[in-house]
N, C-alpha and C. Protein backbone atom coordinates (compact mmCIF):
# COMPACT_ATOMS: atom_id res chain seq x y z
N MET A 1 0.82 -1.17 0.00
CA MET A 1 0.00 0.00 0.00
C MET A 1 0.87 1.25 0.00
N SER A 2 0.39 2.24 -0.66
CA SER A 2 1.13 3.49 -0.78
C SER A 2 0.92 4.37 0.44
N SER A 3 1.95 5.03 0.86
CA SER A 3 1.81 6.01 1.93
C SER A 3 2.06 7.42 1.38
N TYR A 4 1.87 7.58 0.11
CA TYR A 4 2.09 8.85 -0.55
C TYR A 4 1.06 9.85 -0.06
N PHE A 5 1.48 10.83 0.70
CA PHE A 5 0.61 11.84 1.29
C PHE A 5 -0.50 11.21 2.13
N SER A 6 -0.25 10.05 2.70
CA SER A 6 -1.23 9.34 3.51
C SER A 6 -2.54 9.11 2.77
N PHE A 7 -2.46 8.87 1.47
CA PHE A 7 -3.64 8.66 0.65
C PHE A 7 -4.14 7.24 0.84
N PRO A 8 -5.41 7.04 1.21
CA PRO A 8 -5.92 5.69 1.46
C PRO A 8 -6.14 4.93 0.16
N SER A 9 -5.25 4.02 -0.15
CA SER A 9 -5.36 3.29 -1.41
C SER A 9 -6.00 1.92 -1.25
N PHE A 10 -6.18 1.44 -0.02
CA PHE A 10 -6.75 0.12 0.18
C PHE A 10 -8.19 0.04 -0.31
N VAL A 11 -8.92 1.13 -0.22
CA VAL A 11 -10.30 1.15 -0.70
C VAL A 11 -10.34 0.84 -2.19
N PHE A 12 -9.42 1.40 -2.95
CA PHE A 12 -9.40 1.17 -4.38
C PHE A 12 -8.98 -0.26 -4.72
N VAL A 13 -8.13 -0.83 -3.89
CA VAL A 13 -7.74 -2.22 -4.09
C VAL A 13 -8.95 -3.13 -3.88
N VAL A 14 -9.71 -2.88 -2.83
CA VAL A 14 -10.90 -3.68 -2.55
C VAL A 14 -11.93 -3.50 -3.66
N TYR A 15 -12.13 -2.28 -4.13
CA TYR A 15 -13.06 -2.04 -5.24
C TYR A 15 -12.60 -2.79 -6.50
N GLY A 16 -11.30 -2.85 -6.72
CA GLY A 16 -10.78 -3.59 -7.86
C GLY A 16 -11.05 -5.08 -7.74
N TRP A 17 -10.86 -5.62 -6.55
CA TRP A 17 -11.16 -7.05 -6.33
C TRP A 17 -12.63 -7.32 -6.57
N LEU A 18 -13.48 -6.47 -6.03
CA LEU A 18 -14.92 -6.66 -6.20
C LEU A 18 -15.33 -6.50 -7.66
N GLY A 19 -14.69 -5.58 -8.36
CA GLY A 19 -14.98 -5.40 -9.78
C GLY A 19 -14.61 -6.63 -10.60
N ARG A 20 -13.49 -7.23 -10.26
CA ARG A 20 -13.11 -8.46 -10.96
C ARG A 20 -14.08 -9.59 -10.67
N LEU A 21 -14.58 -9.66 -9.44
CA LEU A 21 -15.55 -10.70 -9.10
C LEU A 21 -16.86 -10.53 -9.86
N LEU A 22 -17.23 -9.29 -10.16
CA LEU A 22 -18.47 -9.03 -10.87
C LEU A 22 -18.32 -9.11 -12.39
N GLY A 23 -17.18 -9.50 -12.87
CA GLY A 23 -17.03 -9.70 -14.30
C GLY A 23 -16.10 -8.74 -15.00
N GLY A 24 -15.27 -8.06 -14.27
CA GLY A 24 -14.30 -7.17 -14.90
C GLY A 24 -14.53 -5.74 -14.46
N ILE A 25 -13.49 -4.96 -14.64
CA ILE A 25 -13.56 -3.56 -14.23
C ILE A 25 -14.09 -2.76 -15.40
N ASN A 26 -15.37 -2.44 -15.33
CA ASN A 26 -16.00 -1.57 -16.31
C ASN A 26 -16.99 -0.67 -15.58
N LEU A 27 -17.60 0.22 -16.29
CA LEU A 27 -18.47 1.20 -15.66
C LEU A 27 -19.65 0.56 -14.96
N THR A 28 -20.23 -0.46 -15.56
CA THR A 28 -21.41 -1.09 -14.99
C THR A 28 -21.10 -1.78 -13.67
N SER A 29 -20.03 -2.55 -13.63
CA SER A 29 -19.72 -3.27 -12.40
C SER A 29 -19.29 -2.31 -11.30
N MET A 30 -18.54 -1.28 -11.63
CA MET A 30 -18.09 -0.34 -10.61
C MET A 30 -19.25 0.48 -10.07
N ARG A 31 -20.20 0.84 -10.92
CA ARG A 31 -21.38 1.57 -10.44
C ARG A 31 -22.24 0.66 -9.58
N SER A 32 -22.30 -0.62 -9.92
CA SER A 32 -23.06 -1.57 -9.10
C SER A 32 -22.42 -1.72 -7.72
N ILE A 33 -21.11 -1.79 -7.67
CA ILE A 33 -20.40 -1.89 -6.40
C ILE A 33 -20.64 -0.64 -5.57
N GLU A 34 -20.57 0.52 -6.20
CA GLU A 34 -20.79 1.78 -5.49
C GLU A 34 -22.20 1.85 -4.94
N ALA A 35 -23.18 1.36 -5.71
CA ALA A 35 -24.56 1.35 -5.23
C ALA A 35 -24.71 0.41 -4.04
N MET A 36 -24.09 -0.75 -4.11
CA MET A 36 -24.18 -1.70 -2.99
C MET A 36 -23.52 -1.15 -1.73
N VAL A 37 -22.40 -0.48 -1.89
CA VAL A 37 -21.72 0.12 -0.74
C VAL A 37 -22.58 1.23 -0.15
N GLY A 38 -23.20 2.02 -1.00
CA GLY A 38 -24.07 3.09 -0.52
C GLY A 38 -25.27 2.56 0.24
N LEU A 39 -25.93 1.53 -0.31
CA LEU A 39 -27.08 0.94 0.37
C LEU A 39 -26.68 0.28 1.68
N ALA A 40 -25.51 -0.36 1.69
CA ALA A 40 -25.04 -0.99 2.93
C ALA A 40 -24.73 0.06 4.00
N SER A 41 -24.15 1.18 3.59
CA SER A 41 -23.85 2.22 4.58
C SER A 41 -25.12 2.85 5.13
N ILE A 42 -26.14 3.02 4.29
CA ILE A 42 -27.42 3.54 4.77
C ILE A 42 -28.04 2.56 5.76
N ALA A 43 -28.02 1.28 5.43
CA ALA A 43 -28.60 0.27 6.33
C ALA A 43 -27.83 0.20 7.64
N LEU A 44 -26.51 0.27 7.58
CA LEU A 44 -25.71 0.18 8.80
C LEU A 44 -25.90 1.39 9.70
N PHE A 45 -26.23 2.55 9.13
CA PHE A 45 -26.51 3.71 9.96
C PHE A 45 -27.95 3.68 10.46
N TYR A 46 -28.87 3.29 9.62
CA TYR A 46 -30.29 3.37 9.94
C TYR A 46 -30.68 2.41 11.06
N LEU A 47 -30.17 1.19 11.03
CA LEU A 47 -30.57 0.19 12.02
C LEU A 47 -30.27 0.62 13.46
N PRO A 48 -29.05 1.06 13.79
CA PRO A 48 -28.84 1.48 15.18
C PRO A 48 -29.34 2.89 15.47
N ALA A 49 -29.47 3.73 14.46
CA ALA A 49 -29.85 5.13 14.70
C ALA A 49 -31.35 5.31 14.87
N ARG A 50 -32.15 4.46 14.28
CA ARG A 50 -33.59 4.65 14.35
C ARG A 50 -34.12 4.66 15.78
N PRO A 51 -33.80 3.68 16.61
CA PRO A 51 -34.34 3.75 17.98
C PRO A 51 -33.81 4.95 18.77
N LEU A 52 -32.55 5.30 18.57
CA LEU A 52 -31.97 6.41 19.31
C LEU A 52 -32.50 7.75 18.86
N LEU A 53 -32.59 7.95 17.56
CA LEU A 53 -33.03 9.24 17.05
C LEU A 53 -34.51 9.49 17.30
N MET A 54 -35.32 8.45 17.28
CA MET A 54 -36.74 8.65 17.50
C MET A 54 -36.99 9.16 18.93
N LYS A 55 -36.30 8.62 19.92
CA LYS A 55 -36.46 9.08 21.29
C LYS A 55 -35.95 10.51 21.43
N TRP A 56 -34.81 10.80 20.83
CA TRP A 56 -34.24 12.13 20.93
C TRP A 56 -35.15 13.16 20.27
N MET A 57 -35.71 12.81 19.13
CA MET A 57 -36.60 13.74 18.44
C MET A 57 -37.88 13.96 19.24
N ALA A 58 -38.38 12.93 19.88
CA ALA A 58 -39.58 13.09 20.70
C ALA A 58 -39.31 13.99 21.90
N VAL A 59 -38.16 13.84 22.53
CA VAL A 59 -37.80 14.69 23.67
C VAL A 59 -37.65 16.14 23.20
N ALA A 60 -36.99 16.35 22.08
CA ALA A 60 -36.80 17.71 21.56
C ALA A 60 -38.14 18.35 21.21
N ALA A 61 -39.05 17.60 20.63
CA ALA A 61 -40.37 18.13 20.28
C ALA A 61 -41.17 18.47 21.53
N ALA A 62 -41.08 17.62 22.56
CA ALA A 62 -41.80 17.88 23.81
C ALA A 62 -41.26 19.14 24.49
N ARG A 63 -39.96 19.32 24.47
CA ARG A 63 -39.39 20.52 25.08
C ARG A 63 -39.78 21.78 24.30
N ALA A 64 -39.77 21.70 23.00
CA ALA A 64 -40.18 22.85 22.19
C ALA A 64 -41.64 23.19 22.43
N TYR A 65 -42.48 22.17 22.56
CA TYR A 65 -43.90 22.40 22.82
C TYR A 65 -44.10 23.03 24.20
N ALA A 66 -43.34 22.54 25.19
CA ALA A 66 -43.46 23.08 26.54
C ALA A 66 -43.00 24.53 26.59
N ARG A 67 -41.96 24.88 25.87
CA ARG A 67 -41.49 26.27 25.84
C ARG A 67 -42.52 27.19 25.19
N ARG A 68 -43.15 26.71 24.16
CA ARG A 68 -44.12 27.52 23.43
C ARG A 68 -45.36 27.77 24.28
N ARG A 69 -45.77 26.77 25.03
CA ARG A 69 -46.95 26.92 25.88
C ARG A 69 -46.64 27.77 27.11
N GLY A 70 -45.41 27.73 27.51
CA GLY A 70 -44.79 28.46 28.54
C GLY A 70 -45.34 28.95 29.73
């Protein structure tokens, strides 16, 4: 791996491996990999964040309502 300006090159190596597994490095396979990574990152954030954010948002809304009624 290159340490040229601390540039993270391992991500590109992994994308290359995945591209070869999907049938070669071309625009279609790389866009498919990018879409899968994007959907996976959304799912990985959404699953733990949903229970936490819903409670936080409810508390914030209740406080805002209480201030307004004042």
